[in-house]
Amino acid sequence: ADVLGRTLSFKGYNLTHVINITDVGHLTDDADAGEDKMEKMARAEARSIWDIAEHYKQAYWADVRALNIRQPAQWTVATEYVPQMIAFAQTIAEKHCYELDSGLYFDVSSVADYGRLARAQTDDGEGRIAAVEGKRNAADFAIWRKTPAGETRQMEWDSPWGRGAPGWHLECSVMSGEVLGFPFDIHTGGIDHREIHHPNEIAQNQAYCASDHSGARIWMHNNFLIDRGGKMSKSTGEFLRLQVLVERGFHPLAYRLMCLQAHYRSELEFSWDNLAAAFTRLKRMVMGVTNVRASASMAEGVEHPKLVELLAQFEASVSEDLNTAVALTCLDEAIAMKKVDAGQKLAAIARMDNVLGFGLMSLERANLRVRPNDTTITETDIEAALARRKEARANKDFAASDAIRDELIAQGVEVMDGDRLGWDWRLTI
């Protein structure tokens, strides 16, 4: 989504990008089944549900910054839009909803061509939706979930259907409609939402707008990050987090680069080797651009025929359904190009980087040295130790050299002898 926004800006569109934070309404199953995830965690950790929501919101924002994702025009937070959600539900309730003891449900047979976004309406697809006594159709979903009798939730509001909380499908329709209006241009999301969540959004939008349009003109879905080893899944409770990569000594932008090496609609297999290869490629980019920056100021325009042609190839690649893999090769070629004006070369690189989002105009080699949280040694100490080790090796005092290396390893510093890129060291866990 970030590259999409950057591409639209690159091509001259006036962009208004909004990101939703759904901090209420999630169940342990995306199809309106199971416990409320937030309430469950609040009980398990004996913390306020509002504190938990704030913790994960701040953690998400930190990851957004670390990955150099542009700030949207607006963040919309679900708990700030509950009155609008109730008003939206009241508008569609009479013609499209019915009430059960557990809440207000949307009748999917009341709108045209429900589920058309999903690849196929099959029994397998509906199997994810738990049976609720009284539902008219298996695919009907909760608009408003009543708090069960005798229970009190930390996040609940009064409504015409009783005290409770909105369904998360409703939240997304309401926030996008409130901020962007219907129809807006592009709705993005993960491919896991193509089968249930987004069809439910569309059904709500159809009902609210009294038309067959889906609320958004274009729906785009990115595919999964795949762990072939099977070690990370909902069932095991283990997840790959950005901080895990940092703790292994990888800069977050190496992960960004790894993602952009594959098309967003293709599955991407994660492995530490793939990430390491992406990190090496990022280092080469940084070193190449640093050399160009050191030799010239950025030109106001790009006129050299080879650079003009390369920029045209770059634009064609990102315009062809965000083909970032080809776009990256254009960037590599621009960095490696010889016998062209350095200022124009830097300007061409900057234009490409504005789309790919690495921040190469300010990124330094030292920025790529990732420091795990539990590392106490300073970079000054590391550089001083390496200087002593270099002197020892020059004097052929290999025992002292090895002792310094072992001392650094004990403090989490890997000395990278023989690295073709000349990277002296990196911090490890």
Protein backbone atom coordinates (compact mmCIF):
# COMPACT_ATOMS: atom_id res chain seq x y z
CA ALA A 1 0.00 0.00 0.00
CA ASP A 2 2.88 2.36 0.73
CA VAL A 3 4.46 1.75 -2.68
CA LEU A 4 1.03 2.19 -4.29
CA GLY A 5 0.66 5.59 -2.65
CA ARG A 6 4.20 6.58 -3.56
CA THR A 7 3.61 5.50 -7.17
CA LEU A 8 0.42 7.55 -7.43
CA SER A 9 2.29 10.60 -6.08
CA PHE A 10 5.16 9.91 -8.52
CA LYS A 11 2.66 9.92 -11.38
CA GLY A 12 1.14 13.22 -10.31
CA TYR A 13 -2.05 12.18 -8.56
CA ASN A 14 -3.34 14.16 -5.57
CA LEU A 15 -3.38 11.42 -2.95
CA THR A 16 -5.45 11.13 0.23
CA HIS A 17 -4.34 7.96 2.00
CA VAL A 18 -6.22 6.78 5.10
CA ILE A 19 -5.30 3.88 7.39
CA ASN A 20 -7.85 2.36 9.76
CA ILE A 21 -7.03 1.21 13.28
CA THR A 22 -9.70 -1.30 14.34
CA ASP A 23 -9.18 -1.25 18.09
CA VAL A 24 -12.53 -2.87 18.99
CA GLY A 25 -14.74 -5.67 17.72
CA HIS A 26 -12.25 -8.38 16.80
CA LEU A 27 -13.20 -11.94 17.61
CA THR A 28 -10.85 -14.91 17.74
CA ASP A 29 -12.30 -15.90 14.35
CA ASP A 30 -12.63 -13.36 11.55
CA ALA A 31 -16.09 -14.71 10.76
CA ASP A 32 -17.85 -13.46 13.91
CA ALA A 33 -17.10 -16.49 16.05
CA GLY A 34 -15.26 -17.04 19.31
CA GLU A 35 -14.20 -14.69 22.07
CA ASP A 36 -13.33 -11.03 21.69
CA LYS A 37 -9.54 -10.94 21.21
CA MET A 38 -9.14 -7.71 23.12
CA GLU A 39 -11.26 -8.78 26.10
CA LYS A 40 -9.46 -12.15 26.19
CA MET A 41 -6.03 -10.51 26.35
CA ALA A 42 -7.18 -7.99 28.95
CA ARG A 43 -8.24 -10.84 31.24
CA ALA A 44 -5.07 -12.84 30.59
CA GLU A 45 -2.77 -9.90 31.35
CA ALA A 46 -4.94 -8.24 34.02
CA ARG A 47 -4.68 -4.96 32.14
CA SER A 48 -7.12 -2.39 30.86
CA ILE A 49 -8.34 -3.19 27.35
CA TRP A 50 -7.71 0.46 26.48
CA ASP A 51 -4.08 0.10 27.59
CA ILE A 52 -3.68 -2.99 25.41
CA ALA A 53 -5.17 -1.20 22.41
CA GLU A 54 -2.84 1.75 22.94
CA HIS A 55 0.19 -0.54 23.35
CA TYR A 56 -0.37 -2.30 20.03
CA LYS A 57 -1.26 0.92 18.25
CA GLN A 58 2.03 2.48 19.33
CA ALA A 59 3.93 -0.72 18.41
CA TYR A 60 2.36 -0.67 14.95
CA TRP A 61 3.24 2.98 14.46
CA ALA A 62 6.84 2.24 15.48
CA ASP A 63 7.05 -0.50 12.84
CA VAL A 64 5.57 1.87 10.24
CA ARG A 65 8.33 4.38 10.97
CA ALA A 66 11.05 1.69 10.96
CA LEU A 67 9.95 0.48 7.52
CA ASN A 68 9.97 4.04 6.16
CA ILE A 69 6.25 3.87 5.36
CA ARG A 70 4.85 7.33 4.66
CA GLN A 71 2.39 8.73 7.15
CA PRO A 72 -1.16 8.70 5.75
CA ALA A 73 -3.24 11.83 5.46
CA GLN A 74 -5.29 10.50 8.37
CA TRP A 75 -5.38 7.67 10.87
CA THR A 76 -8.94 6.62 11.72
CA VAL A 77 -9.45 4.82 15.06
CA ALA A 78 -12.59 2.72 15.42
CA THR A 79 -13.48 3.67 18.99
CA GLU A 80 -13.71 7.31 17.89
CA TYR A 81 -16.45 6.47 15.33
CA VAL A 82 -18.93 4.36 17.33
CA PRO A 83 -21.82 6.93 17.13
CA GLN A 84 -21.39 7.02 13.34
CA MET A 85 -21.40 3.21 13.27
CA ILE A 86 -24.70 3.08 15.14
CA ALA A 87 -26.17 5.67 12.76
CA PHE A 88 -24.94 3.66 9.74
CA ALA A 89 -26.49 0.47 11.14
CA GLN A 90 -29.80 2.23 11.80
CA THR A 91 -29.88 3.38 8.17
CA ILE A 92 -29.61 -0.17 6.79
CA ALA A 93 -31.33 -2.14 9.58
CA GLU A 94 -34.91 -2.08 8.33
CA LYS A 95 -34.23 -3.41 4.82
CA HIS A 96 -31.09 -5.48 5.31
CA CYS A 97 -30.79 -6.67 8.93
CA TYR A 98 -32.56 -8.74 11.55
CA GLU A 99 -32.10 -9.08 15.29
CA LEU A 100 -31.21 -12.18 17.29
CA ASP A 101 -30.46 -12.60 20.98
CA SER A 102 -26.75 -12.28 20.19
CA GLY A 103 -27.02 -9.09 18.13
CA LEU A 104 -27.99 -7.44 14.88
CA TYR A 105 -27.16 -9.46 11.75
CA PHE A 106 -26.86 -8.51 8.09
CA ASP A 107 -28.90 -10.61 5.64
CA VAL A 108 -26.54 -11.20 2.71
CA SER A 109 -29.44 -12.24 0.46
CA SER A 110 -30.72 -8.67 0.63
CA VAL A 111 -27.99 -7.31 -1.68
CA ALA A 112 -27.07 -8.23 -5.23
CA ASP A 113 -24.28 -10.69 -5.98
CA TYR A 114 -22.94 -11.09 -2.45
CA GLY A 115 -19.39 -12.41 -2.34
CA ARG A 116 -18.48 -11.46 -5.89
CA LEU A 117 -15.07 -10.23 -4.73
CA ALA A 118 -14.17 -13.73 -3.49
CA ARG A 119 -12.87 -16.15 -6.10
CA ALA A 120 -15.74 -18.58 -5.59
CA GLN A 121 -18.70 -18.98 -3.28
CA THR A 122 -18.12 -22.55 -2.15
CA ASP A 123 -19.06 -24.66 0.80
CA ASP A 124 -15.39 -24.60 1.80
CA GLY A 125 -15.44 -20.82 1.91
CA GLU A 126 -18.53 -20.75 4.07
CA GLY A 127 -17.03 -23.37 6.37
CA ARG A 128 -15.04 -20.67 8.14
CA ILE A 129 -18.29 -19.12 9.36
CA ALA A 130 -19.57 -20.63 12.58
CA ALA A 131 -23.24 -21.50 12.84
CA VAL A 132 -25.33 -19.11 14.94
CA GLU A 133 -28.80 -20.25 15.90
CA GLY A 134 -31.42 -18.25 14.05
CA LYS A 135 -29.25 -16.98 11.21
CA ARG A 136 -31.11 -16.91 7.90
CA ASN A 137 -28.03 -17.62 5.79
CA ALA A 138 -24.72 -19.21 6.71
CA ALA A 139 -22.85 -16.12 5.47
CA ASP A 140 -24.92 -13.57 7.45
CA PHE A 141 -22.67 -11.54 9.74
CA ALA A 142 -22.90 -9.41 12.86
CA ILE A 143 -23.41 -5.68 12.52
CA TRP A 144 -23.78 -5.21 16.28
CA ARG A 145 -22.80 -7.79 18.91
CA LYS A 146 -24.79 -7.63 22.13
CA THR A 147 -23.00 -8.11 25.41
CA PRO A 148 -24.24 -11.49 26.75
CA ALA A 149 -26.61 -11.30 29.70
CA GLY A 150 -24.78 -11.16 32.99
CA GLU A 151 -21.49 -10.06 31.40
CA THR A 152 -19.79 -6.67 31.36
CA ARG A 153 -17.19 -5.77 28.76
CA GLN A 154 -14.62 -3.01 29.00
CA MET A 155 -15.49 -1.85 25.49
CA GLU A 156 -19.27 -1.59 25.11
CA TRP A 157 -21.79 1.08 24.16
CA ASP A 158 -25.55 1.58 24.27
CA SER A 159 -27.40 1.05 21.00
CA PRO A 160 -30.97 0.48 19.75
CA TRP A 161 -30.17 -3.27 19.85
CA GLY A 162 -28.82 -3.31 23.39
CA ARG A 163 -25.49 -2.65 25.01
CA GLY A 164 -22.59 -4.12 23.08
CA ALA A 165 -19.98 -3.41 20.42
CA PRO A 166 -19.89 -3.02 16.63
CA GLY A 167 -18.82 -5.84 14.32
CA TRP A 168 -15.46 -5.10 12.73
CA HIS A 169 -16.86 -5.32 9.20
CA LEU A 170 -19.07 -2.36 10.09
CA GLU A 171 -16.15 -0.36 11.46
CA CYS A 172 -14.24 -0.40 8.19
CA SER A 173 -17.22 0.64 6.06
CA VAL A 174 -18.09 3.50 8.37
CA MET A 175 -14.59 4.94 8.76
CA SER A 176 -13.80 4.85 5.03
CA GLY A 177 -17.19 6.30 4.15
CA GLU A 178 -16.93 9.06 6.75
CA VAL A 179 -13.46 10.19 5.69
CA LEU A 180 -13.36 9.48 1.95
CA GLY A 181 -17.03 9.25 0.99
CA PHE A 182 -18.63 6.67 -1.30
CA PRO A 183 -17.42 5.67 -3.78
CA PHE A 184 -13.72 6.22 -3.14
CA ASP A 185 -10.99 5.03 -5.49
CA ILE A 186 -8.91 2.22 -3.99
CA HIS A 187 -9.30 -0.14 -1.02
CA THR A 188 -6.24 -2.24 -0.07
CA GLY A 189 -5.74 -5.14 2.30
CA GLY A 190 -4.44 -8.65 2.79
CA ILE A 191 -5.62 -11.53 0.63
CA ASP A 192 -7.05 -13.23 3.73
CA HIS A 193 -9.80 -10.57 3.74
CA ARG A 194 -10.87 -11.21 0.15
CA GLU A 195 -13.16 -14.12 1.06
CA ILE A 196 -15.17 -12.79 4.02
CA HIS A 197 -14.24 -9.41 5.48
CA HIS A 198 -14.17 -7.39 2.26
CA PRO A 199 -17.30 -9.03 0.78
CA ASN A 200 -19.05 -8.09 4.02
CA GLU A 201 -17.81 -4.52 3.72
CA ILE A 202 -19.09 -4.41 0.16
CA ALA A 203 -22.51 -5.74 1.18
CA GLN A 204 -22.81 -3.03 3.83
CA ASN A 205 -21.75 -0.36 1.35
CA GLN A 206 -24.32 -1.57 -1.17
CA ALA A 207 -27.04 -1.41 1.45
CA TYR A 208 -26.06 2.01 2.75
CA CYS A 209 -25.70 3.59 -0.71
CA ALA A 210 -28.78 1.80 -2.11
CA SER A 211 -26.79 0.78 -5.17
CA ASP A 212 -24.73 -2.09 -6.52
CA HIS A 213 -21.37 -0.30 -6.32
CA SER A 214 -18.93 -1.78 -3.83
CA GLY A 215 -17.94 1.41 -2.03
CA ALA A 216 -14.50 1.41 -3.66
CA ARG A 217 -13.83 1.39 -7.38
CA ILE A 218 -10.78 -0.89 -7.06
CA TRP A 219 -9.99 -3.56 -4.46
CA MET A 220 -6.32 -4.59 -4.21
CA HIS A 221 -4.97 -7.46 -2.10
CA ASN A 222 -1.39 -8.35 -1.20
CA ASN A 223 -0.51 -12.02 -0.80
CA PHE A 224 0.93 -13.90 2.15
CA LEU A 225 4.41 -14.05 3.63
CA ILE A 226 4.99 -17.82 3.75
CA ASP A 227 6.97 -19.81 6.32
CA ARG A 228 7.69 -23.16 4.67
CA GLY A 229 9.17 -24.50 7.89
CA GLY A 230 5.80 -24.24 9.60
CA LYS A 231 7.26 -22.79 12.77
CA MET A 232 5.13 -19.64 12.73
CA SER A 233 1.36 -19.92 12.78
CA LYS A 234 -1.72 -19.05 14.79
CA SER A 235 -1.76 -22.57 16.20
CA THR A 236 1.80 -22.39 17.56
CA GLY A 237 1.40 -18.83 18.78
CA GLU A 238 4.74 -17.87 17.24
CA PHE A 239 4.86 -14.92 14.87
CA LEU A 240 7.60 -13.22 12.94
CA ARG A 241 7.80 -9.65 14.20
CA LEU A 242 9.95 -6.82 12.91
CA GLN A 243 11.75 -6.67 16.25
CA VAL A 244 12.85 -10.30 15.81
CA LEU A 245 14.68 -9.27 12.63
CA VAL A 246 16.32 -6.36 14.43
CA GLU A 247 17.42 -8.67 17.24
CA ARG A 248 19.10 -10.85 14.61
CA GLY A 249 21.05 -7.84 13.33
CA PHE A 250 18.97 -7.05 10.24
CA HIS A 251 17.89 -3.51 9.43
CA PRO A 252 14.09 -3.17 8.88
CA LEU A 253 14.74 -1.76 5.39
CA ALA A 254 16.30 -5.11 4.41
CA TYR A 255 12.88 -6.62 5.02
CA ARG A 256 11.27 -3.87 2.95
CA LEU A 257 13.66 -4.68 0.11
CA MET A 258 12.97 -8.42 0.42
CA CYS A 259 9.25 -7.75 0.07
CA LEU A 260 9.68 -5.53 -2.99
CA GLN A 261 11.72 -8.21 -4.75
CA ALA A 262 8.45 -10.15 -5.20
CA HIS A 263 5.19 -9.01 -6.76
CA TYR A 264 2.62 -7.98 -4.17
CA ARG A 265 0.07 -10.49 -5.52
CA SER A 266 2.51 -13.41 -5.26
CA GLU A 267 3.30 -15.41 -2.15
CA LEU A 268 6.68 -14.51 -0.67
CA GLU A 269 8.67 -17.18 1.11
CA PHE A 270 10.52 -15.99 4.18
CA SER A 271 13.92 -17.39 5.07
CA TRP A 272 16.88 -15.93 6.88
CA ASP A 273 19.00 -16.56 3.77
CA ASN A 274 16.58 -14.55 1.63
CA LEU A 275 16.65 -11.74 4.16
CA ALA A 276 20.45 -11.81 4.31
CA ALA A 277 20.65 -11.60 0.52
CA ALA A 278 18.29 -8.61 0.55
CA PHE A 279 20.42 -6.96 3.24
CA THR A 280 23.53 -7.42 1.11
CA ARG A 281 21.73 -5.85 -1.85
CA LEU A 282 20.65 -2.93 0.33
CA LYS A 283 24.24 -2.41 1.51
CA ARG A 284 25.43 -2.28 -2.10
CA MET A 285 22.78 0.33 -2.87
CA VAL A 286 23.76 2.44 0.12
CA MET A 287 27.46 2.27 -0.70
CA GLY A 288 26.84 3.13 -4.36
CA VAL A 289 24.55 6.07 -3.63
CA THR A 290 26.89 7.35 -0.90
CA ASN A 291 29.70 7.50 -3.47
CA VAL A 292 27.50 9.42 -5.92
CA ARG A 293 26.37 11.84 -3.21
CA ALA A 294 29.98 12.48 -2.26
CA SER A 295 30.93 13.46 -5.81
CA ALA A 296 28.09 15.73 -6.90
CA SER A 297 25.08 17.83 -5.97
CA MET A 298 21.73 16.72 -7.29
CA ALA A 299 20.83 18.20 -10.67
CA GLU A 300 17.49 19.95 -11.21
CA GLY A 301 16.54 17.60 -14.01
CA VAL A 302 17.51 14.47 -15.91
CA GLU A 303 18.53 14.93 -19.55
CA HIS A 304 21.07 12.21 -20.28
CA PRO A 305 19.48 9.81 -22.81
CA LYS A 306 20.46 6.66 -20.93
CA LEU A 307 19.04 7.98 -17.66
CA VAL A 308 15.88 9.23 -19.37
CA GLU A 309 15.38 5.77 -20.89
CA LEU A 310 15.99 4.08 -17.55
CA LEU A 311 13.46 6.35 -15.80
CA ALA A 312 10.92 5.51 -18.50
CA GLN A 313 11.51 1.79 -17.87
CA PHE A 314 11.14 2.38 -14.16
CA GLU A 315 7.84 4.23 -14.58
CA ALA A 316 6.54 1.54 -16.92
CA SER A 317 7.36 -1.17 -14.39
CA VAL A 318 5.61 0.45 -11.42
CA SER A 319 2.70 1.41 -13.68
CA GLU A 320 2.29 -2.25 -14.67
CA ASP A 321 0.50 -3.32 -11.47
CA LEU A 322 3.40 -2.23 -9.24
CA ASN A 323 6.09 -4.48 -10.72
CA THR A 324 8.62 -3.58 -8.05
CA ALA A 325 10.98 -6.45 -8.92
CA VAL A 326 11.71 -4.87 -12.30
CA ALA A 327 11.73 -1.38 -10.78
CA LEU A 328 14.51 -2.49 -8.41
CA THR A 329 16.67 -3.63 -11.31
CA CYS A 330 16.24 -0.16 -12.84
CA LEU A 331 17.48 1.37 -9.59
CA ASP A 332 20.45 -1.00 -9.50
CA GLU A 333 21.32 -0.06 -13.10
CA ALA A 334 21.10 3.65 -12.33
CA ILE A 335 23.44 3.29 -9.35
CA ALA A 336 25.94 1.27 -11.41
CA MET A 337 25.80 3.50 -14.50
CA LYS A 338 29.17 4.93 -15.60
CA LYS A 339 30.13 7.94 -17.69
CA VAL A 340 27.05 10.02 -16.90
CA ASP A 341 26.78 13.32 -15.08
CA ALA A 342 26.81 12.50 -11.35
CA GLY A 343 24.25 15.19 -10.51
CA GLN A 344 21.78 13.88 -13.08
CA LYS A 345 22.47 10.33 -11.94
CA LEU A 346 21.69 11.32 -8.35
CA ALA A 347 18.45 13.01 -9.47
CA ALA A 348 17.36 9.85 -11.30
CA ILE A 349 18.16 7.69 -8.27
CA ALA A 350 16.21 10.05 -6.02
CA ARG A 351 13.11 9.83 -8.23
CA MET A 352 13.20 6.03 -8.14
CA ASP A 353 13.89 5.95 -4.42
CA ASN A 354 10.90 8.21 -3.75
CA VAL A 355 8.74 5.36 -5.06
CA LEU A 356 10.60 2.40 -3.53
CA GLY A 357 10.98 4.16 -0.20
CA PHE A 358 14.45 3.31 1.11
CA GLY A 359 15.53 6.87 1.92
CA LEU A 360 18.79 6.49 0.00
CA MET A 361 19.37 10.24 -0.14
CA SER A 362 20.09 10.28 3.59
CA LEU A 363 20.79 6.65 4.49
CA GLU A 364 24.38 6.08 5.61
CA ARG A 365 26.38 2.91 6.00
CA ALA A 366 26.46 3.43 9.76
CA ASN A 367 22.63 3.53 9.83
CA LEU A 368 22.54 -0.12 8.78
CA ARG A 369 24.32 -1.28 11.91
CA VAL A 370 21.38 -2.55 13.92
CA ARG A 371 21.70 -2.51 17.68
CA PRO A 372 19.78 -5.20 19.62
CA ASN A 373 18.11 -3.96 22.81
CA ASP A 374 20.37 -5.97 25.09
CA THR A 375 23.66 -4.76 23.57
CA THR A 376 25.64 -2.39 25.82
CA ILE A 377 28.84 -1.93 23.82
CA THR A 378 29.04 1.38 21.96
CA GLU A 379 30.03 1.91 18.35
CA THR A 380 32.99 4.00 19.53
CA ASP A 381 34.20 1.04 21.59
CA ILE A 382 33.76 -1.30 18.62
CA GLU A 383 35.68 0.97 16.25
CA ALA A 384 38.49 1.39 18.82
CA ALA A 385 38.75 -2.38 19.27
CA LEU A 386 38.84 -2.92 15.51
CA ALA A 387 41.60 -0.31 15.19
CA ARG A 388 43.65 -2.18 17.81
CA ARG A 389 42.94 -5.46 16.03
CA LYS A 390 44.02 -3.98 12.69
CA GLU A 391 47.27 -2.83 14.25
CA ALA A 392 47.83 -6.25 15.81
CA ARG A 393 47.29 -7.98 12.46
CA ALA A 394 49.70 -5.53 10.78
CA ASN A 395 52.29 -6.50 13.38
CA LYS A 396 51.44 -10.18 12.77
CA ASP A 397 50.37 -10.51 16.40
CA PHE A 398 47.60 -12.93 15.54
CA ALA A 399 47.09 -14.06 19.13
CA ALA A 400 46.18 -10.48 20.12
CA SER A 401 44.03 -10.15 17.01
CA ASP A 402 42.10 -13.31 17.86
CA ALA A 403 41.71 -12.22 21.48
CA ILE A 404 40.17 -8.91 20.41
CA ARG A 405 37.86 -10.74 18.00
CA ASP A 406 36.74 -13.16 20.74
CA GLU A 407 36.16 -10.25 23.12
CA LEU A 408 33.92 -8.58 20.56
CA ILE A 409 32.02 -11.81 19.83
CA ALA A 410 31.35 -12.20 23.55
CA GLN A 411 29.67 -8.77 23.48
CA GLY A 412 27.50 -9.63 20.47
CA VAL A 413 29.70 -8.15 17.74
CA GLU A 414 30.50 -10.26 14.70
CA VAL A 415 33.78 -9.28 13.03
CA MET A 416 33.22 -9.67 9.32
CA ASP A 417 36.66 -10.56 7.97
CA GLY A 418 36.65 -11.14 4.23
CA ASP A 419 33.31 -9.44 3.57
CA ARG A 420 33.47 -8.39 -0.08
CA LEU A 421 31.49 -5.26 0.71
CA GLY A 422 34.01 -4.18 3.31
CA TRP A 423 31.48 -4.25 6.14
CA ASP A 424 33.78 -4.40 9.16
CA TRP A 425 31.30 -5.70 11.75
CA ARG A 426 27.69 -6.22 12.71
CA LEU A 427 25.86 -6.64 15.99
CA THR A 428 24.24 -10.01 16.63
CA ILE A 429 22.22 -11.52 19.46
